[in-house]
Amino acid sequence: KRTKDFCNALGECVTAITWRAPQGIMGGNVLQSLGVEFHSTETQIAAIPSVADTRALVAEYCACNVDLIILAGGDGTAAAIAEVIATVNPHQLVLGIPAGVKIQSGVFAINPTAAGQLLAALVRGDLLNTEIAQVRDLDELALQQGQVKSRYMGTLRVPFDGHFVQSV
């Protein structure tokens, strides 16, 4: 639902984008349901995707020199992406659609609609700013003990507009 909300917020810009996504749950299903054409990735995704699937997709996207990687998930997904990008292409642009259970990172839009509006502005050429944002994740052991502590997991370059992207 959150990814569909993101796509709907793109409006007419959704057709101005050349999409690349795997078949299935990590993007292809949503694009197909909206009637949006996309190029299938070479990376095959398991029925229940894993961190390894995410890492493999990011490596493929970087090898194809995509302009922007869009992630729908939470801080764990962002951390896996940051890990790959740090070694493959530290300048890769990434935008997060908040769809996880905990969101501490500054790589996510404030909501799925804001993510779509931000990408639409980028497509129209109305937004040219990027920023390095921290990827953070909650310390699960501390959380189990009633303490909220976040850990630094890396950085990602994001399209930036203070009204659309959350702070750490």
N, C-alpha and C. Protein backbone atom coordinates (compact mmCIF):
# COMPACT_ATOMS: atom_id res chain seq x y z
N LYS A 1 0.82 -1.19 0.00
CA LYS A 1 0.00 0.00 0.00
C LYS A 1 0.87 1.26 0.00
N ARG A 2 1.93 1.27 0.79
CA ARG A 2 2.77 2.46 0.86
C ARG A 2 3.48 2.73 -0.47
N THR A 3 3.90 1.67 -1.14
CA THR A 3 4.55 1.85 -2.44
C THR A 3 3.55 2.33 -3.48
N LYS A 4 2.33 1.85 -3.40
CA LYS A 4 1.29 2.35 -4.31
C LYS A 4 1.00 3.83 -4.04
N ASP A 5 0.94 4.21 -2.77
CA ASP A 5 0.73 5.62 -2.43
C ASP A 5 1.85 6.48 -3.01
N PHE A 6 3.08 5.99 -2.92
CA PHE A 6 4.23 6.67 -3.50
C PHE A 6 4.05 6.85 -5.01
N CYS A 7 3.71 5.77 -5.71
CA CYS A 7 3.53 5.84 -7.17
C CYS A 7 2.39 6.77 -7.55
N ASN A 8 1.29 6.72 -6.79
CA ASN A 8 0.16 7.60 -7.09
C ASN A 8 0.53 9.08 -6.91
N ALA A 9 1.39 9.37 -5.93
CA ALA A 9 1.81 10.76 -5.70
C ALA A 9 2.71 11.28 -6.82
N LEU A 10 3.28 10.39 -7.61
CA LEU A 10 4.11 10.81 -8.74
C LEU A 10 3.27 11.45 -9.84
N GLY A 11 1.99 11.13 -9.88
CA GLY A 11 1.12 11.68 -10.92
C GLY A 11 1.62 11.30 -12.31
N GLU A 12 1.60 12.25 -13.23
CA GLU A 12 2.01 12.00 -14.61
C GLU A 12 3.49 11.65 -14.73
N CYS A 13 4.28 12.02 -13.75
CA CYS A 13 5.72 11.75 -13.79
C CYS A 13 6.03 10.26 -13.78
N VAL A 14 5.08 9.44 -13.32
CA VAL A 14 5.34 8.00 -13.25
C VAL A 14 5.69 7.43 -14.62
N THR A 15 5.12 7.98 -15.68
CA THR A 15 5.41 7.47 -17.02
C THR A 15 6.67 8.09 -17.62
N ALA A 16 7.20 9.14 -17.01
CA ALA A 16 8.43 9.77 -17.50
C ALA A 16 9.68 9.06 -16.98
N ILE A 17 9.49 8.09 -16.13
CA ILE A 17 10.60 7.38 -15.50
C ILE A 17 10.79 6.03 -16.17
N THR A 18 12.05 5.68 -16.41
CA THR A 18 12.38 4.34 -16.87
C THR A 18 12.61 3.50 -15.61
N TRP A 19 11.70 2.58 -15.37
CA TRP A 19 11.72 1.79 -14.14
C TRP A 19 12.47 0.48 -14.36
N ARG A 20 13.19 0.05 -13.35
CA ARG A 20 13.85 -1.26 -13.33
C ARG A 20 13.48 -1.88 -11.99
N ALA A 21 12.96 -3.10 -12.03
CA ALA A 21 12.54 -3.76 -10.79
C ALA A 21 12.52 -5.27 -11.02
N PRO A 22 12.66 -6.03 -9.95
CA PRO A 22 12.51 -7.48 -10.09
C PRO A 22 11.03 -7.84 -10.21
N GLN A 23 10.77 -8.97 -10.82
CA GLN A 23 9.40 -9.49 -10.82
C GLN A 23 9.05 -9.82 -9.38
N GLY A 24 7.82 -9.60 -9.00
CA GLY A 24 7.39 -10.03 -7.68
C GLY A 24 7.33 -8.92 -6.65
N ILE A 25 7.54 -9.32 -5.41
CA ILE A 25 7.23 -8.49 -4.25
C ILE A 25 8.13 -7.27 -4.08
N MET A 26 9.31 -7.25 -4.65
CA MET A 26 10.23 -6.13 -4.44
C MET A 26 10.13 -5.08 -5.54
N GLY A 27 8.91 -4.81 -5.98
CA GLY A 27 8.70 -3.72 -6.92
C GLY A 27 7.85 -4.07 -8.12
N GLY A 28 8.12 -5.19 -8.74
CA GLY A 28 7.41 -5.56 -9.96
C GLY A 28 5.92 -5.68 -9.79
N ASN A 29 5.46 -6.30 -8.69
CA ASN A 29 4.02 -6.46 -8.46
C ASN A 29 3.29 -5.13 -8.42
N VAL A 30 3.87 -4.16 -7.72
CA VAL A 30 3.23 -2.85 -7.59
C VAL A 30 3.18 -2.16 -8.95
N LEU A 31 4.29 -2.14 -9.66
CA LEU A 31 4.31 -1.48 -10.97
C LEU A 31 3.32 -2.13 -11.93
N GLN A 32 3.28 -3.45 -11.94
CA GLN A 32 2.32 -4.16 -12.80
C GLN A 32 0.89 -3.82 -12.43
N SER A 33 0.58 -3.78 -11.14
CA SER A 33 -0.79 -3.50 -10.71
C SER A 33 -1.24 -2.09 -11.11
N LEU A 34 -0.27 -1.18 -11.28
CA LEU A 34 -0.59 0.18 -11.69
C LEU A 34 -0.49 0.38 -13.20
N GLY A 35 -0.15 -0.68 -13.91
CA GLY A 35 -0.02 -0.60 -15.37
C GLY A 35 1.22 0.16 -15.82
N VAL A 36 2.24 0.21 -14.97
CA VAL A 36 3.48 0.92 -15.29
C VAL A 36 4.48 -0.08 -15.88
N GLU A 37 5.02 0.26 -17.05
CA GLU A 37 6.02 -0.60 -17.68
C GLU A 37 7.34 -0.49 -16.94
N PHE A 38 8.06 -1.62 -16.87
CA PHE A 38 9.36 -1.63 -16.22
C PHE A 38 10.25 -2.70 -16.86
N HIS A 39 11.55 -2.51 -16.70
CA HIS A 39 12.52 -3.49 -17.15
C HIS A 39 12.78 -4.44 -15.98
N SER A 40 12.71 -5.73 -16.24
CA SER A 40 12.97 -6.71 -15.19
C SER A 40 14.47 -6.79 -14.91
N THR A 41 14.78 -6.98 -13.67
CA THR A 41 16.18 -7.14 -13.29
C THR A 41 16.64 -8.55 -13.63
N GLU A 42 17.95 -8.71 -13.73
CA GLU A 42 18.50 -10.05 -13.91
C GLU A 42 18.49 -10.81 -12.60
N THR A 43 18.59 -10.08 -11.50
CA THR A 43 18.59 -10.69 -10.17
C THR A 43 17.22 -11.28 -9.89
N GLN A 44 17.21 -12.56 -9.55
CA GLN A 44 15.98 -13.24 -9.20
C GLN A 44 15.78 -13.14 -7.69
N ILE A 45 14.56 -12.88 -7.29
CA ILE A 45 14.24 -12.67 -5.88
C ILE A 45 13.48 -13.88 -5.34
N ALA A 46 13.83 -14.29 -4.14
CA ALA A 46 13.12 -15.39 -3.48
C ALA A 46 11.68 -14.98 -3.17
N ALA A 47 10.81 -15.95 -2.99
CA ALA A 47 9.41 -15.67 -2.66
C ALA A 47 9.31 -14.84 -1.38
N ILE A 48 10.17 -15.13 -0.43
CA ILE A 48 10.30 -14.31 0.77
C ILE A 48 11.70 -13.70 0.69
N PRO A 49 11.78 -12.42 0.29
CA PRO A 49 13.08 -11.79 0.05
C PRO A 49 13.95 -11.73 1.30
N SER A 50 15.26 -11.78 1.06
CA SER A 50 16.22 -11.74 2.15
C SER A 50 17.13 -10.52 1.99
N VAL A 51 17.97 -10.30 2.98
CA VAL A 51 18.97 -9.23 2.90
C VAL A 51 19.90 -9.49 1.72
N ALA A 52 20.20 -10.75 1.46
CA ALA A 52 21.06 -11.10 0.32
C ALA A 52 20.41 -10.66 -0.99
N ASP A 53 19.09 -10.80 -1.11
CA ASP A 53 18.37 -10.34 -2.30
C ASP A 53 18.51 -8.84 -2.46
N THR A 54 18.34 -8.11 -1.36
CA THR A 54 18.48 -6.64 -1.39
C THR A 54 19.88 -6.26 -1.84
N ARG A 55 20.89 -6.88 -1.26
CA ARG A 55 22.28 -6.56 -1.63
C ARG A 55 22.54 -6.86 -3.10
N ALA A 56 22.05 -7.97 -3.59
CA ALA A 56 22.26 -8.33 -4.99
C ALA A 56 21.58 -7.34 -5.94
N LEU A 57 20.37 -6.92 -5.59
CA LEU A 57 19.66 -5.93 -6.41
C LEU A 57 20.40 -4.60 -6.45
N VAL A 58 20.89 -4.15 -5.30
CA VAL A 58 21.60 -2.87 -5.24
C VAL A 58 22.87 -2.94 -6.08
N ALA A 59 23.58 -4.05 -6.00
CA ALA A 59 24.78 -4.22 -6.82
C ALA A 59 24.44 -4.17 -8.30
N GLU A 60 23.33 -4.81 -8.68
CA GLU A 60 22.90 -4.77 -10.09
C GLU A 60 22.54 -3.35 -10.50
N TYR A 61 21.78 -2.65 -9.67
CA TYR A 61 21.38 -1.28 -9.99
C TYR A 61 22.60 -0.38 -10.17
N CYS A 62 23.57 -0.52 -9.29
CA CYS A 62 24.79 0.30 -9.40
C CYS A 62 25.56 -0.05 -10.67
N ALA A 63 25.62 -1.33 -11.01
CA ALA A 63 26.31 -1.75 -12.23
C ALA A 63 25.63 -1.19 -13.48
N CYS A 64 24.31 -0.98 -13.40
CA CYS A 64 23.55 -0.42 -14.53
C CYS A 64 23.55 1.10 -14.54
N ASN A 65 24.19 1.70 -13.55
CA ASN A 65 24.26 3.16 -13.44
C ASN A 65 22.88 3.82 -13.38
N VAL A 66 21.98 3.27 -12.57
CA VAL A 66 20.67 3.90 -12.42
C VAL A 66 20.84 5.27 -11.76
N ASP A 67 19.92 6.18 -12.04
CA ASP A 67 19.99 7.52 -11.46
C ASP A 67 19.61 7.54 -9.99
N LEU A 68 18.66 6.69 -9.62
CA LEU A 68 18.12 6.71 -8.26
C LEU A 68 17.66 5.32 -7.87
N ILE A 69 18.01 4.90 -6.68
CA ILE A 69 17.48 3.66 -6.11
C ILE A 69 16.41 4.05 -5.11
N ILE A 70 15.23 3.47 -5.28
CA ILE A 70 14.12 3.73 -4.37
C ILE A 70 13.95 2.49 -3.50
N LEU A 71 13.95 2.70 -2.19
CA LEU A 71 13.76 1.57 -1.30
C LEU A 71 12.47 1.77 -0.53
N ALA A 72 11.74 0.70 -0.36
CA ALA A 72 10.57 0.69 0.51
C ALA A 72 10.88 -0.28 1.63
N GLY A 73 10.99 0.23 2.82
CA GLY A 73 11.35 -0.62 3.94
C GLY A 73 11.65 0.21 5.16
N GLY A 74 12.56 -0.32 5.97
CA GLY A 74 12.95 0.37 7.18
C GLY A 74 14.45 0.52 7.28
N ASP A 75 14.91 0.75 8.49
CA ASP A 75 16.33 1.02 8.71
C ASP A 75 17.21 -0.17 8.37
N GLY A 76 16.74 -1.40 8.59
CA GLY A 76 17.53 -2.58 8.24
C GLY A 76 17.79 -2.65 6.75
N THR A 77 16.77 -2.35 5.96
CA THR A 77 16.92 -2.33 4.51
C THR A 77 17.89 -1.23 4.09
N ALA A 78 17.74 -0.05 4.69
CA ALA A 78 18.63 1.06 4.37
C ALA A 78 20.07 0.72 4.74
N ALA A 79 20.28 0.04 5.86
CA ALA A 79 21.63 -0.34 6.27
C ALA A 79 22.26 -1.32 5.28
N ALA A 80 21.48 -2.29 4.81
CA ALA A 80 22.00 -3.25 3.82
C ALA A 80 22.39 -2.53 2.53
N ILE A 81 21.57 -1.56 2.12
CA ILE A 81 21.86 -0.80 0.90
C ILE A 81 23.09 0.06 1.09
N ALA A 82 23.20 0.71 2.24
CA ALA A 82 24.36 1.57 2.51
C ALA A 82 25.65 0.76 2.50
N GLU A 83 25.59 -0.45 3.00
CA GLU A 83 26.77 -1.31 3.04
C GLU A 83 27.28 -1.60 1.62
N VAL A 84 26.37 -1.92 0.71
CA VAL A 84 26.76 -2.21 -0.68
C VAL A 84 27.24 -0.95 -1.37
N ILE A 85 26.49 0.12 -1.24
CA ILE A 85 26.82 1.37 -1.94
C ILE A 85 28.16 1.92 -1.48
N ALA A 86 28.50 1.76 -0.22
CA ALA A 86 29.78 2.26 0.28
C ALA A 86 30.96 1.65 -0.47
N THR A 87 30.81 0.41 -0.91
CA THR A 87 31.90 -0.26 -1.61
C THR A 87 31.79 -0.18 -3.12
N VAL A 88 30.60 0.04 -3.64
CA VAL A 88 30.40 0.01 -5.09
C VAL A 88 30.35 1.41 -5.71
N ASN A 89 29.52 2.30 -5.13
CA ASN A 89 29.35 3.64 -5.69
C ASN A 89 28.84 4.59 -4.61
N PRO A 90 29.74 5.20 -3.83
CA PRO A 90 29.30 6.06 -2.72
C PRO A 90 28.49 7.28 -3.15
N HIS A 91 28.47 7.60 -4.43
CA HIS A 91 27.72 8.77 -4.91
C HIS A 91 26.31 8.41 -5.38
N GLN A 92 25.94 7.14 -5.30
CA GLN A 92 24.62 6.69 -5.76
C GLN A 92 23.52 7.41 -4.98
N LEU A 93 22.53 7.91 -5.69
CA LEU A 93 21.39 8.58 -5.08
C LEU A 93 20.34 7.54 -4.67
N VAL A 94 19.79 7.70 -3.46
CA VAL A 94 18.82 6.76 -2.90
C VAL A 94 17.71 7.56 -2.23
N LEU A 95 16.48 7.06 -2.31
CA LEU A 95 15.36 7.67 -1.59
C LEU A 95 14.54 6.57 -0.94
N GLY A 96 14.24 6.76 0.35
CA GLY A 96 13.47 5.76 1.08
C GLY A 96 12.01 6.12 1.20
N ILE A 97 11.17 5.12 0.93
CA ILE A 97 9.74 5.20 1.21
C ILE A 97 9.57 4.53 2.57
N PRO A 98 9.14 5.25 3.60
CA PRO A 98 9.05 4.63 4.92
C PRO A 98 7.98 3.54 4.95
N ALA A 99 8.44 2.30 5.13
CA ALA A 99 7.52 1.18 5.16
C ALA A 99 7.95 0.14 6.20
N GLY A 100 8.88 0.52 7.06
CA GLY A 100 9.37 -0.39 8.08
C GLY A 100 8.68 -0.16 9.41
N VAL A 101 9.07 -0.96 10.38
CA VAL A 101 8.46 -0.84 11.71
C VAL A 101 9.16 0.20 12.57
N LYS A 102 10.38 0.53 12.21
CA LYS A 102 11.12 1.56 12.93
C LYS A 102 11.93 2.36 11.91
N ILE A 103 11.81 3.66 11.98
CA ILE A 103 12.48 4.53 11.01
C ILE A 103 13.28 5.57 11.80
N GLN A 104 14.59 5.41 11.83
CA GLN A 104 15.49 6.34 12.51
C GLN A 104 16.35 7.12 11.52
N SER A 105 16.44 6.64 10.28
CA SER A 105 17.39 7.17 9.30
C SER A 105 16.88 8.40 8.57
N GLY A 106 17.82 9.25 8.18
CA GLY A 106 17.49 10.45 7.43
C GLY A 106 17.42 10.22 5.93
N VAL A 107 17.29 8.98 5.50
CA VAL A 107 17.22 8.68 4.07
C VAL A 107 15.78 8.48 3.60
N PHE A 108 14.84 8.59 4.53
CA PHE A 108 13.44 8.36 4.23
C PHE A 108 12.66 9.66 4.11
N ALA A 109 11.72 9.68 3.18
CA ALA A 109 10.76 10.78 3.13
C ALA A 109 9.89 10.70 4.38
N ILE A 110 9.19 11.77 4.68
CA ILE A 110 8.36 11.78 5.89
C ILE A 110 7.17 10.84 5.79
N ASN A 111 6.75 10.53 4.56
CA ASN A 111 5.68 9.56 4.32
C ASN A 111 5.74 9.16 2.85
N PRO A 112 5.01 8.13 2.42
CA PRO A 112 5.07 7.69 1.03
C PRO A 112 4.66 8.77 0.01
N THR A 113 3.65 9.56 0.35
CA THR A 113 3.21 10.62 -0.57
C THR A 113 4.31 11.66 -0.75
N ALA A 114 4.97 12.03 0.33
CA ALA A 114 6.08 12.99 0.24
C ALA A 114 7.21 12.43 -0.62
N ALA A 115 7.47 11.13 -0.53
CA ALA A 115 8.50 10.51 -1.37
C ALA A 115 8.13 10.65 -2.84
N GLY A 116 6.86 10.41 -3.17
CA GLY A 116 6.41 10.56 -4.56
C GLY A 116 6.49 12.00 -5.03
N GLN A 117 6.10 12.93 -4.18
CA GLN A 117 6.18 14.35 -4.54
C GLN A 117 7.63 14.80 -4.73
N LEU A 118 8.52 14.29 -3.91
CA LEU A 118 9.94 14.62 -4.02
C LEU A 118 10.52 14.09 -5.33
N LEU A 119 10.19 12.84 -5.67
CA LEU A 119 10.68 12.29 -6.93
C LEU A 119 10.08 13.02 -8.12
N ALA A 120 8.80 13.40 -8.04
CA ALA A 120 8.18 14.16 -9.13
C ALA A 120 8.90 15.48 -9.34
N ALA A 121 9.26 16.16 -8.25
CA ALA A 121 10.01 17.41 -8.36
C ALA A 121 11.37 17.18 -9.01
N LEU A 122 12.00 16.07 -8.68
CA LEU A 122 13.29 15.72 -9.27
C LEU A 122 13.14 15.46 -10.77
N VAL A 123 12.12 14.73 -11.15
CA VAL A 123 11.86 14.43 -12.57
C VAL A 123 11.58 15.70 -13.36
N ARG A 124 10.83 16.62 -12.78
CA ARG A 124 10.50 17.88 -13.46
C ARG A 124 11.68 18.85 -13.52
N GLY A 125 12.73 18.56 -12.76
CA GLY A 125 13.89 19.46 -12.70
C GLY A 125 13.73 20.57 -11.69
N ASP A 126 12.73 20.46 -10.82
CA ASP A 126 12.49 21.48 -9.81
C ASP A 126 13.36 21.29 -8.58
N LEU A 127 14.02 20.15 -8.47
CA LEU A 127 14.82 19.84 -7.30
C LEU A 127 16.19 19.37 -7.74
N LEU A 128 17.21 20.07 -7.32
CA LEU A 128 18.56 19.70 -7.71
C LEU A 128 19.46 19.45 -6.51
N ASN A 129 18.93 19.58 -5.31
CA ASN A 129 19.74 19.42 -4.11
C ASN A 129 19.84 17.96 -3.69
N THR A 130 21.04 17.58 -3.28
CA THR A 130 21.23 16.28 -2.66
C THR A 130 21.98 16.51 -1.35
N GLU A 131 21.91 15.52 -0.50
CA GLU A 131 22.53 15.62 0.82
C GLU A 131 22.98 14.23 1.25
N ILE A 132 24.05 14.20 2.02
CA ILE A 132 24.47 12.94 2.63
C ILE A 132 23.66 12.78 3.92
N ALA A 133 22.97 11.66 4.05
CA ALA A 133 22.12 11.42 5.22
C ALA A 133 22.59 10.17 5.95
N GLN A 134 22.43 10.19 7.24
CA GLN A 134 22.82 9.05 8.06
C GLN A 134 21.80 7.93 7.99
N VAL A 135 22.32 6.71 7.98
CA VAL A 135 21.50 5.52 8.15
C VAL A 135 21.74 5.07 9.59
N ARG A 136 20.65 4.95 10.33
CA ARG A 136 20.74 4.54 11.73
C ARG A 136 19.74 3.40 11.95
N ASP A 137 20.02 2.60 12.93
CA ASP A 137 19.11 1.50 13.26
C ASP A 137 19.07 1.36 14.77
N LEU A 138 17.93 0.97 15.29
CA LEU A 138 17.80 0.79 16.74
C LEU A 138 18.63 -0.39 17.21
N ASP A 139 19.23 -0.24 18.36
CA ASP A 139 19.96 -1.31 19.02
C ASP A 139 18.90 -2.22 19.64
N GLU A 140 18.70 -3.39 19.05
CA GLU A 140 17.62 -4.29 19.48
C GLU A 140 17.80 -4.78 20.92
N LEU A 141 19.05 -5.04 21.32
CA LEU A 141 19.28 -5.50 22.69
C LEU A 141 18.92 -4.44 23.71
N ALA A 142 19.31 -3.20 23.44
CA ALA A 142 18.96 -2.10 24.34
C ALA A 142 17.45 -1.90 24.39
N LEU A 143 16.78 -2.04 23.25
CA LEU A 143 15.33 -1.87 23.17
C LEU A 143 14.63 -2.92 24.04
N GLN A 144 15.14 -4.14 24.02
CA GLN A 144 14.55 -5.20 24.86
C GLN A 144 14.69 -4.89 26.35
N GLN A 145 15.66 -4.03 26.69
CA GLN A 145 15.87 -3.63 28.08
C GLN A 145 15.20 -2.29 28.38
N GLY A 146 14.37 -1.82 27.46
CA GLY A 146 13.62 -0.60 27.68
C GLY A 146 14.37 0.68 27.35
N GLN A 147 15.50 0.57 26.67
CA GLN A 147 16.28 1.74 26.29
C GLN A 147 16.20 1.94 24.78
N VAL A 148 16.03 3.19 24.38
CA VAL A 148 16.01 3.50 22.95
C VAL A 148 17.36 4.10 22.57
N LYS A 149 18.14 3.34 21.83
CA LYS A 149 19.45 3.78 21.36
C LYS A 149 19.55 3.44 19.88
N SER A 150 20.03 4.40 19.11
CA SER A 150 20.23 4.09 17.70
C SER A 150 21.72 3.99 17.41
N ARG A 151 22.04 3.16 16.41
CA ARG A 151 23.43 2.95 16.01
C ARG A 151 23.65 3.52 14.61
N TYR A 152 24.79 4.13 14.40
CA TYR A 152 25.19 4.63 13.09
C TYR A 152 25.54 3.42 12.22
N MET A 153 24.94 3.36 11.01
CA MET A 153 25.16 2.23 10.11
C MET A 153 25.79 2.63 8.78
N GLY A 154 25.96 3.93 8.55
CA GLY A 154 26.55 4.39 7.30
C GLY A 154 25.83 5.63 6.81
N THR A 155 26.09 5.97 5.55
CA THR A 155 25.44 7.13 4.93
C THR A 155 24.97 6.79 3.53
N LEU A 156 24.02 7.57 3.07
CA LEU A 156 23.53 7.49 1.70
C LEU A 156 23.27 8.90 1.20
N ARG A 157 23.46 9.11 -0.09
CA ARG A 157 23.14 10.40 -0.72
C ARG A 157 21.66 10.38 -1.11
N VAL A 158 20.92 11.41 -0.70
CA VAL A 158 19.48 11.48 -0.96
C VAL A 158 19.11 12.79 -1.65
N PRO A 159 18.06 12.77 -2.49
CA PRO A 159 17.52 14.05 -2.96
C PRO A 159 16.95 14.75 -1.74
N PHE A 160 17.15 16.05 -1.66
CA PHE A 160 16.80 16.70 -0.40
C PHE A 160 15.93 17.92 -0.60
N ASP A 161 14.91 17.98 0.20
CA ASP A 161 14.08 19.16 0.40
C ASP A 161 13.57 19.01 1.82
N GLY A 162 13.84 19.98 2.65
CA GLY A 162 13.51 19.88 4.07
C GLY A 162 12.06 19.58 4.39
N HIS A 163 11.15 19.84 3.44
CA HIS A 163 9.73 19.56 3.70
C HIS A 163 9.36 18.11 3.46
N PHE A 164 10.21 17.37 2.78
CA PHE A 164 9.85 16.02 2.36
C PHE A 164 10.66 14.91 3.03
N VAL A 165 11.88 15.22 3.46
CA VAL A 165 12.77 14.19 4.02
C VAL A 165 12.87 14.37 5.52
N GLN A 166 12.81 13.27 6.24
CA GLN A 166 12.85 13.35 7.69
C GLN A 166 14.25 13.57 8.22
N SER A 167 14.34 14.11 9.41
CA SER A 167 15.62 14.26 10.10
C SER A 167 15.95 12.97 10.82
N VAL A 168 17.22 12.81 11.17
CA VAL A 168 17.61 11.63 11.94
C VAL A 168 17.04 11.76 13.33
